[in-house]
Amino acid sequence: MANTLMGIADYYETLLTRPVMVCSEFRSHVLGMIIETLSVLSIKEDLKGELIRSVTSAWKMDMVGDEITERDLVLEKLKDLKSAAVVADDLSGDLLEIHALLSLPIRREDLEEEQVANVYDTMNRVMNYLSSRSAGEPLTA
């Protein structure tokens, strides 16, 4: 999975650093990177699908800041994802998945206000699932 995450990060870094890009195209690519990253993680399919659906339905296609700031933020998050992939052999259990989730450029302002709580709740359930799985404890609730 580390090689797949590295490939995703490299691809989107190349795509998002092109000199000319329309704002909605940029936001669409960022959403695509988020969905593609989530799809390769080892998370229960129903929970993974719920997270992908919640992010997709909440995602704002309009730029939420100036283009340079947005691009720099996403590129920094891609560096974090690459770092996780590089040290994947040193990460035990579900730490790679947790690190990858934390590397996703999903901020409150990226989401429709009425959907923020749903996305954060779903993300928290995924994190709890991964944390419980790492600790060898069954997920409850």
N, C-alpha and C. Protein backbone atom coordinates (compact mmCIF):
# COMPACT_ATOMS: atom_id res chain seq x y z
N MET A 1 0.81 -1.19 0.00
CA MET A 1 0.00 0.00 0.00
C MET A 1 0.86 1.26 0.00
N ALA A 2 2.04 1.21 0.61
CA ALA A 2 2.91 2.39 0.65
C ALA A 2 3.28 2.86 -0.75
N ASN A 3 3.58 1.91 -1.65
CA ASN A 3 3.91 2.29 -3.04
C ASN A 3 2.72 2.94 -3.73
N THR A 4 1.52 2.44 -3.45
CA THR A 4 0.32 3.02 -4.05
C THR A 4 0.11 4.45 -3.54
N LEU A 5 0.28 4.66 -2.24
CA LEU A 5 0.14 6.01 -1.69
C LEU A 5 1.19 6.96 -2.27
N MET A 6 2.41 6.47 -2.43
CA MET A 6 3.47 7.28 -3.02
C MET A 6 3.10 7.65 -4.46
N GLY A 7 2.57 6.69 -5.21
CA GLY A 7 2.15 6.96 -6.58
C GLY A 7 1.04 7.99 -6.65
N ILE A 8 0.06 7.87 -5.75
CA ILE A 8 -1.04 8.85 -5.71
C ILE A 8 -0.48 10.23 -5.41
N ALA A 9 0.39 10.33 -4.42
CA ALA A 9 0.97 11.63 -4.05
C ALA A 9 1.78 12.22 -5.19
N ASP A 10 2.60 11.40 -5.84
CA ASP A 10 3.39 11.89 -6.98
C ASP A 10 2.51 12.37 -8.12
N TYR A 11 1.49 11.58 -8.44
CA TYR A 11 0.59 11.94 -9.53
C TYR A 11 -0.10 13.29 -9.26
N TYR A 12 -0.67 13.42 -8.07
CA TYR A 12 -1.41 14.65 -7.78
C TYR A 12 -0.48 15.85 -7.58
N GLU A 13 0.73 15.62 -7.11
CA GLU A 13 1.69 16.72 -7.01
C GLU A 13 1.99 17.25 -8.42
N THR A 14 2.20 16.36 -9.36
CA THR A 14 2.46 16.76 -10.75
C THR A 14 1.24 17.48 -11.33
N LEU A 15 0.08 16.93 -11.10
CA LEU A 15 -1.15 17.50 -11.64
C LEU A 15 -1.44 18.87 -11.05
N LEU A 16 -1.24 19.03 -9.75
CA LEU A 16 -1.61 20.27 -9.08
C LEU A 16 -0.55 21.37 -9.19
N THR A 17 0.59 21.07 -9.73
CA THR A 17 1.62 22.10 -9.91
C THR A 17 1.71 22.57 -11.36
N ARG A 18 0.77 22.15 -12.18
CA ARG A 18 0.73 22.67 -13.55
C ARG A 18 0.54 24.18 -13.49
N PRO A 19 1.13 24.92 -14.46
CA PRO A 19 1.09 26.38 -14.39
C PRO A 19 -0.30 27.00 -14.52
N VAL A 20 -1.18 26.42 -15.29
CA VAL A 20 -2.49 27.02 -15.51
C VAL A 20 -3.58 26.03 -15.11
N MET A 21 -4.43 26.48 -14.20
CA MET A 21 -5.52 25.60 -13.78
C MET A 21 -6.69 26.47 -13.31
N VAL A 22 -7.88 26.11 -13.72
CA VAL A 22 -9.10 26.79 -13.29
C VAL A 22 -9.38 26.37 -11.85
N CYS A 23 -9.95 27.29 -11.05
CA CYS A 23 -10.20 27.01 -9.64
C CYS A 23 -11.02 25.74 -9.42
N SER A 24 -12.11 25.59 -10.16
CA SER A 24 -12.95 24.41 -9.96
C SER A 24 -12.21 23.14 -10.36
N GLU A 25 -11.32 23.24 -11.34
CA GLU A 25 -10.52 22.09 -11.74
C GLU A 25 -9.57 21.71 -10.60
N PHE A 26 -8.96 22.69 -9.97
CA PHE A 26 -8.07 22.45 -8.84
C PHE A 26 -8.83 21.75 -7.72
N ARG A 27 -9.98 22.27 -7.35
CA ARG A 27 -10.77 21.70 -6.26
C ARG A 27 -11.23 20.28 -6.61
N SER A 28 -11.54 20.06 -7.86
CA SER A 28 -11.94 18.73 -8.31
C SER A 28 -10.78 17.75 -8.20
N HIS A 29 -9.59 18.17 -8.55
CA HIS A 29 -8.41 17.32 -8.43
C HIS A 29 -8.10 17.00 -6.97
N VAL A 30 -8.26 17.98 -6.09
CA VAL A 30 -8.01 17.74 -4.67
C VAL A 30 -9.01 16.71 -4.14
N LEU A 31 -10.27 16.85 -4.51
CA LEU A 31 -11.29 15.88 -4.10
C LEU A 31 -10.95 14.50 -4.67
N GLY A 32 -10.51 14.44 -5.91
CA GLY A 32 -10.11 13.17 -6.51
C GLY A 32 -8.97 12.52 -5.75
N MET A 33 -8.00 13.32 -5.33
CA MET A 33 -6.87 12.80 -4.56
C MET A 33 -7.35 12.24 -3.22
N ILE A 34 -8.27 12.94 -2.58
CA ILE A 34 -8.81 12.48 -1.29
C ILE A 34 -9.53 11.14 -1.48
N ILE A 35 -10.39 11.06 -2.48
CA ILE A 35 -11.15 9.84 -2.72
C ILE A 35 -10.22 8.68 -3.09
N GLU A 36 -9.26 8.95 -3.95
CA GLU A 36 -8.33 7.90 -4.36
C GLU A 36 -7.50 7.40 -3.18
N THR A 37 -7.07 8.30 -2.33
CA THR A 37 -6.31 7.90 -1.14
C THR A 37 -7.18 7.06 -0.21
N LEU A 38 -8.39 7.53 0.04
CA LEU A 38 -9.30 6.77 0.91
C LEU A 38 -9.58 5.38 0.35
N SER A 39 -9.71 5.29 -0.95
CA SER A 39 -10.08 4.01 -1.56
C SER A 39 -9.02 2.93 -1.40
N VAL A 40 -7.75 3.31 -1.21
CA VAL A 40 -6.71 2.29 -1.08
C VAL A 40 -6.41 1.92 0.37
N LEU A 41 -6.99 2.64 1.32
CA LEU A 41 -6.73 2.35 2.72
C LEU A 41 -7.45 1.08 3.17
N SER A 42 -6.86 0.41 4.13
CA SER A 42 -7.43 -0.84 4.66
C SER A 42 -8.43 -0.51 5.77
N ILE A 43 -9.60 -0.11 5.34
CA ILE A 43 -10.69 0.24 6.25
C ILE A 43 -11.88 -0.61 5.83
N LYS A 44 -12.71 -0.99 6.80
CA LYS A 44 -13.93 -1.74 6.46
C LYS A 44 -14.65 -1.03 5.32
N GLU A 45 -15.08 -1.81 4.33
CA GLU A 45 -15.68 -1.23 3.12
C GLU A 45 -16.88 -0.34 3.42
N ASP A 46 -17.76 -0.74 4.33
CA ASP A 46 -18.93 0.09 4.60
C ASP A 46 -18.54 1.42 5.23
N LEU A 47 -17.58 1.39 6.13
CA LEU A 47 -17.12 2.62 6.78
C LEU A 47 -16.35 3.49 5.79
N LYS A 48 -15.53 2.87 4.96
CA LYS A 48 -14.79 3.60 3.92
C LYS A 48 -15.77 4.26 2.94
N GLY A 49 -16.77 3.51 2.51
CA GLY A 49 -17.76 4.05 1.59
C GLY A 49 -18.53 5.21 2.20
N GLU A 50 -18.85 5.08 3.47
CA GLU A 50 -19.57 6.16 4.15
C GLU A 50 -18.71 7.43 4.23
N LEU A 51 -17.42 7.26 4.51
CA LEU A 51 -16.53 8.42 4.57
C LEU A 51 -16.38 9.07 3.20
N ILE A 52 -16.19 8.26 2.17
CA ILE A 52 -16.07 8.81 0.81
C ILE A 52 -17.35 9.56 0.42
N ARG A 53 -18.50 8.97 0.71
CA ARG A 53 -19.78 9.63 0.38
C ARG A 53 -19.95 10.94 1.15
N SER A 54 -19.59 10.93 2.44
CA SER A 54 -19.79 12.14 3.23
C SER A 54 -18.87 13.27 2.76
N VAL A 55 -17.62 12.96 2.44
CA VAL A 55 -16.70 13.98 1.95
C VAL A 55 -17.16 14.48 0.57
N THR A 56 -17.52 13.56 -0.30
CA THR A 56 -17.94 13.94 -1.65
C THR A 56 -19.17 14.84 -1.63
N SER A 57 -20.16 14.49 -0.82
CA SER A 57 -21.38 15.30 -0.80
C SER A 57 -21.18 16.65 -0.11
N ALA A 58 -20.17 16.77 0.74
CA ALA A 58 -19.93 18.01 1.47
C ALA A 58 -18.93 18.94 0.79
N TRP A 59 -18.16 18.43 -0.16
CA TRP A 59 -17.03 19.17 -0.74
C TRP A 59 -17.49 20.40 -1.51
N LYS A 60 -16.87 21.54 -1.23
CA LYS A 60 -17.13 22.78 -1.97
C LYS A 60 -16.24 22.80 -3.21
N MET A 61 -16.82 23.08 -4.35
CA MET A 61 -16.04 23.14 -5.58
C MET A 61 -15.43 24.53 -5.79
N ASP A 62 -15.91 25.53 -5.06
CA ASP A 62 -15.34 26.87 -5.17
C ASP A 62 -14.09 26.97 -4.31
N MET A 63 -13.12 27.73 -4.78
CA MET A 63 -11.88 27.94 -4.04
C MET A 63 -12.24 28.64 -2.72
N VAL A 64 -11.66 28.18 -1.63
CA VAL A 64 -11.99 28.75 -0.33
C VAL A 64 -10.93 29.72 0.18
N GLY A 65 -9.89 29.92 -0.57
CA GLY A 65 -8.84 30.88 -0.24
C GLY A 65 -8.18 31.31 -1.53
N ASP A 66 -7.09 32.04 -1.42
CA ASP A 66 -6.42 32.41 -2.66
C ASP A 66 -5.70 31.18 -3.22
N GLU A 67 -5.54 31.18 -4.51
CA GLU A 67 -5.04 30.00 -5.23
C GLU A 67 -3.66 29.54 -4.73
N ILE A 68 -2.76 30.47 -4.51
CA ILE A 68 -1.41 30.10 -4.08
C ILE A 68 -1.43 29.46 -2.70
N THR A 69 -2.20 30.03 -1.78
CA THR A 69 -2.30 29.48 -0.43
C THR A 69 -2.91 28.09 -0.47
N GLU A 70 -3.97 27.93 -1.25
CA GLU A 70 -4.62 26.62 -1.37
C GLU A 70 -3.66 25.58 -1.94
N ARG A 71 -2.97 25.94 -2.99
CA ARG A 71 -2.03 25.02 -3.62
C ARG A 71 -0.91 24.64 -2.66
N ASP A 72 -0.38 25.63 -1.93
CA ASP A 72 0.70 25.35 -0.98
C ASP A 72 0.22 24.41 0.13
N LEU A 73 -0.99 24.62 0.61
CA LEU A 73 -1.54 23.76 1.66
C LEU A 73 -1.66 22.32 1.17
N VAL A 74 -2.20 22.14 -0.02
CA VAL A 74 -2.39 20.79 -0.56
C VAL A 74 -1.03 20.14 -0.83
N LEU A 75 -0.09 20.89 -1.37
CA LEU A 75 1.24 20.32 -1.62
C LEU A 75 1.93 19.93 -0.32
N GLU A 76 1.72 20.69 0.74
CA GLU A 76 2.29 20.33 2.04
C GLU A 76 1.67 19.03 2.55
N LYS A 77 0.36 18.87 2.37
CA LYS A 77 -0.31 17.64 2.78
C LYS A 77 0.19 16.45 1.95
N LEU A 78 0.47 16.68 0.67
CA LEU A 78 1.02 15.61 -0.17
C LEU A 78 2.40 15.20 0.32
N LYS A 79 3.19 16.16 0.79
CA LYS A 79 4.49 15.83 1.38
C LYS A 79 4.30 14.93 2.60
N ASP A 80 3.29 15.25 3.42
CA ASP A 80 3.01 14.42 4.60
C ASP A 80 2.64 13.00 4.19
N LEU A 81 1.84 12.88 3.13
CA LEU A 81 1.44 11.57 2.64
C LEU A 81 2.66 10.80 2.13
N LYS A 82 3.54 11.47 1.41
CA LYS A 82 4.77 10.83 0.93
C LYS A 82 5.64 10.39 2.11
N SER A 83 5.74 11.22 3.13
CA SER A 83 6.53 10.87 4.31
C SER A 83 6.00 9.60 4.96
N ALA A 84 4.67 9.51 5.05
CA ALA A 84 4.07 8.30 5.63
C ALA A 84 4.41 7.09 4.78
N ALA A 85 4.35 7.25 3.47
CA ALA A 85 4.65 6.13 2.57
C ALA A 85 6.12 5.71 2.66
N VAL A 86 7.01 6.68 2.80
CA VAL A 86 8.44 6.39 2.88
C VAL A 86 8.77 5.60 4.14
N VAL A 87 8.16 5.95 5.25
CA VAL A 87 8.46 5.27 6.53
C VAL A 87 7.47 4.15 6.83
N ALA A 88 6.74 3.72 5.82
CA ALA A 88 5.70 2.71 6.02
C ALA A 88 6.22 1.45 6.69
N ASP A 89 7.43 1.04 6.37
CA ASP A 89 7.98 -0.17 6.97
C ASP A 89 8.18 -0.01 8.47
N ASP A 90 8.38 1.24 8.91
CA ASP A 90 8.57 1.50 10.33
C ASP A 90 7.25 1.69 11.07
N LEU A 91 6.17 1.89 10.33
CA LEU A 91 4.86 2.08 10.95
C LEU A 91 4.21 0.73 11.15
N SER A 92 3.77 0.46 12.36
CA SER A 92 3.16 -0.84 12.63
C SER A 92 1.64 -0.76 12.50
N GLY A 93 1.04 -1.87 12.16
CA GLY A 93 -0.41 -1.98 12.12
C GLY A 93 -1.08 -0.93 11.26
N ASP A 94 -1.99 -0.21 11.87
CA ASP A 94 -2.81 0.75 11.16
C ASP A 94 -2.26 2.17 11.20
N LEU A 95 -1.03 2.33 11.66
CA LEU A 95 -0.48 3.68 11.74
C LEU A 95 -0.33 4.33 10.37
N LEU A 96 -0.05 3.56 9.33
CA LEU A 96 0.03 4.12 7.99
C LEU A 96 -1.32 4.69 7.57
N GLU A 97 -2.39 3.94 7.82
CA GLU A 97 -3.73 4.43 7.48
C GLU A 97 -4.06 5.69 8.27
N ILE A 98 -3.73 5.69 9.55
CA ILE A 98 -4.02 6.86 10.39
C ILE A 98 -3.22 8.06 9.88
N HIS A 99 -1.95 7.86 9.59
CA HIS A 99 -1.12 8.95 9.08
C HIS A 99 -1.66 9.45 7.74
N ALA A 100 -2.07 8.54 6.87
CA ALA A 100 -2.63 8.94 5.57
C ALA A 100 -3.91 9.76 5.76
N LEU A 101 -4.76 9.35 6.68
CA LEU A 101 -6.00 10.11 6.94
C LEU A 101 -5.68 11.51 7.45
N LEU A 102 -4.70 11.61 8.34
CA LEU A 102 -4.32 12.92 8.87
C LEU A 102 -3.65 13.79 7.82
N SER A 103 -3.15 13.17 6.75
CA SER A 103 -2.50 13.92 5.67
C SER A 103 -3.48 14.45 4.63
N LEU A 104 -4.74 14.08 4.74
CA LEU A 104 -5.71 14.55 3.76
C LEU A 104 -6.03 16.03 3.96
N PRO A 105 -6.07 16.79 2.88
CA PRO A 105 -6.37 18.23 3.01
C PRO A 105 -7.88 18.48 3.11
N ILE A 106 -8.43 18.11 4.26
CA ILE A 106 -9.87 18.33 4.50
C ILE A 106 -9.98 19.26 5.70
N ARG A 107 -10.41 20.47 5.42
CA ARG A 107 -10.61 21.46 6.49
C ARG A 107 -12.08 21.83 6.55
N ARG A 108 -12.47 22.38 7.66
CA ARG A 108 -13.86 22.81 7.86
C ARG A 108 -14.31 23.71 6.69
N GLU A 109 -13.46 24.63 6.28
CA GLU A 109 -13.85 25.57 5.23
C GLU A 109 -13.95 24.92 3.84
N ASP A 110 -13.44 23.70 3.70
CA ASP A 110 -13.55 22.97 2.43
C ASP A 110 -14.92 22.34 2.25
N LEU A 111 -15.69 22.31 3.33
CA LEU A 111 -16.95 21.57 3.35
C LEU A 111 -18.15 22.51 3.50
N GLU A 112 -19.27 22.07 2.95
CA GLU A 112 -20.52 22.80 3.16
C GLU A 112 -20.83 22.78 4.65
N GLU A 113 -21.17 23.94 5.19
CA GLU A 113 -21.34 24.10 6.64
C GLU A 113 -22.27 23.05 7.26
N GLU A 114 -23.37 22.76 6.59
CA GLU A 114 -24.35 21.82 7.15
C GLU A 114 -23.86 20.37 7.12
N GLN A 115 -22.74 20.10 6.43
CA GLN A 115 -22.21 18.75 6.30
C GLN A 115 -20.96 18.52 7.16
N VAL A 116 -20.43 19.57 7.76
CA VAL A 116 -19.17 19.46 8.51
C VAL A 116 -19.27 18.41 9.62
N ALA A 117 -20.32 18.48 10.42
CA ALA A 117 -20.46 17.56 11.55
C ALA A 117 -20.51 16.11 11.07
N ASN A 118 -21.20 15.85 9.98
CA ASN A 118 -21.30 14.49 9.45
C ASN A 118 -19.92 13.98 9.00
N VAL A 119 -19.17 14.80 8.29
CA VAL A 119 -17.84 14.39 7.82
C VAL A 119 -16.93 14.13 9.02
N TYR A 120 -16.90 15.04 9.98
CA TYR A 120 -16.03 14.87 11.15
C TYR A 120 -16.44 13.67 11.98
N ASP A 121 -17.74 13.44 12.11
CA ASP A 121 -18.22 12.27 12.86
C ASP A 121 -17.76 10.98 12.17
N THR A 122 -17.91 10.92 10.86
CA THR A 122 -17.50 9.73 10.12
C THR A 122 -15.99 9.54 10.20
N MET A 123 -15.23 10.63 10.06
CA MET A 123 -13.77 10.54 10.18
C MET A 123 -13.38 10.05 11.57
N ASN A 124 -14.04 10.54 12.60
CA ASN A 124 -13.75 10.09 13.96
C ASN A 124 -14.05 8.61 14.15
N ARG A 125 -15.12 8.13 13.54
CA ARG A 125 -15.44 6.70 13.64
C ARG A 125 -14.39 5.86 12.92
N VAL A 126 -13.89 6.34 11.81
CA VAL A 126 -12.82 5.63 11.10
C VAL A 126 -11.56 5.61 11.96
N MET A 127 -11.20 6.74 12.55
CA MET A 127 -10.01 6.80 13.42
C MET A 127 -10.18 5.87 14.63
N ASN A 128 -11.35 5.87 15.23
CA ASN A 128 -11.61 4.96 16.37
C ASN A 128 -11.49 3.51 15.93
N TYR A 129 -12.02 3.20 14.76
CA TYR A 129 -11.92 1.84 14.22
C TYR A 129 -10.46 1.44 14.05
N LEU A 130 -9.68 2.32 13.43
CA LEU A 130 -8.27 2.01 13.20
C LEU A 130 -7.50 1.91 14.52
N SER A 131 -7.78 2.81 15.44
CA SER A 131 -7.12 2.78 16.75
C SER A 131 -7.47 1.51 17.51
N SER A 132 -8.72 1.12 17.48
CA SER A 132 -9.15 -0.09 18.16
C SER A 132 -8.53 -1.33 17.52
N ARG A 133 -8.47 -1.32 16.21
CA ARG A 133 -7.88 -2.44 15.50
C ARG A 133 -6.39 -2.55 15.80
N SER A 134 -5.71 -1.42 15.89
CA SER A 134 -4.28 -1.40 16.20
C SER A 134 -4.01 -1.93 17.60
N ALA A 135 -4.92 -1.61 18.51
CA ALA A 135 -4.75 -2.04 19.89
C ALA A 135 -5.20 -3.47 20.10
N GLY A 136 -5.78 -4.06 19.05
CA GLY A 136 -6.26 -5.45 19.16
C GLY A 136 -7.60 -5.55 19.85
N GLU A 137 -8.26 -4.42 20.02
CA GLU A 137 -9.57 -4.41 20.67
C GLU A 137 -10.65 -4.41 19.61
N PRO A 138 -11.74 -5.11 19.86
CA PRO A 138 -12.83 -5.05 18.88
C PRO A 138 -13.51 -3.68 18.92
N LEU A 139 -13.97 -3.25 17.77
CA LEU A 139 -14.68 -1.98 17.67
C LEU A 139 -16.07 -2.16 18.25
N THR A 140 -16.46 -1.28 19.14
CA THR A 140 -17.81 -1.32 19.66
C THR A 140 -18.55 -0.09 19.19
N ALA A 141 -19.86 -0.19 19.17
CA ALA A 141 -20.77 0.89 18.80
C ALA A 141 -21.22 0.81 17.42
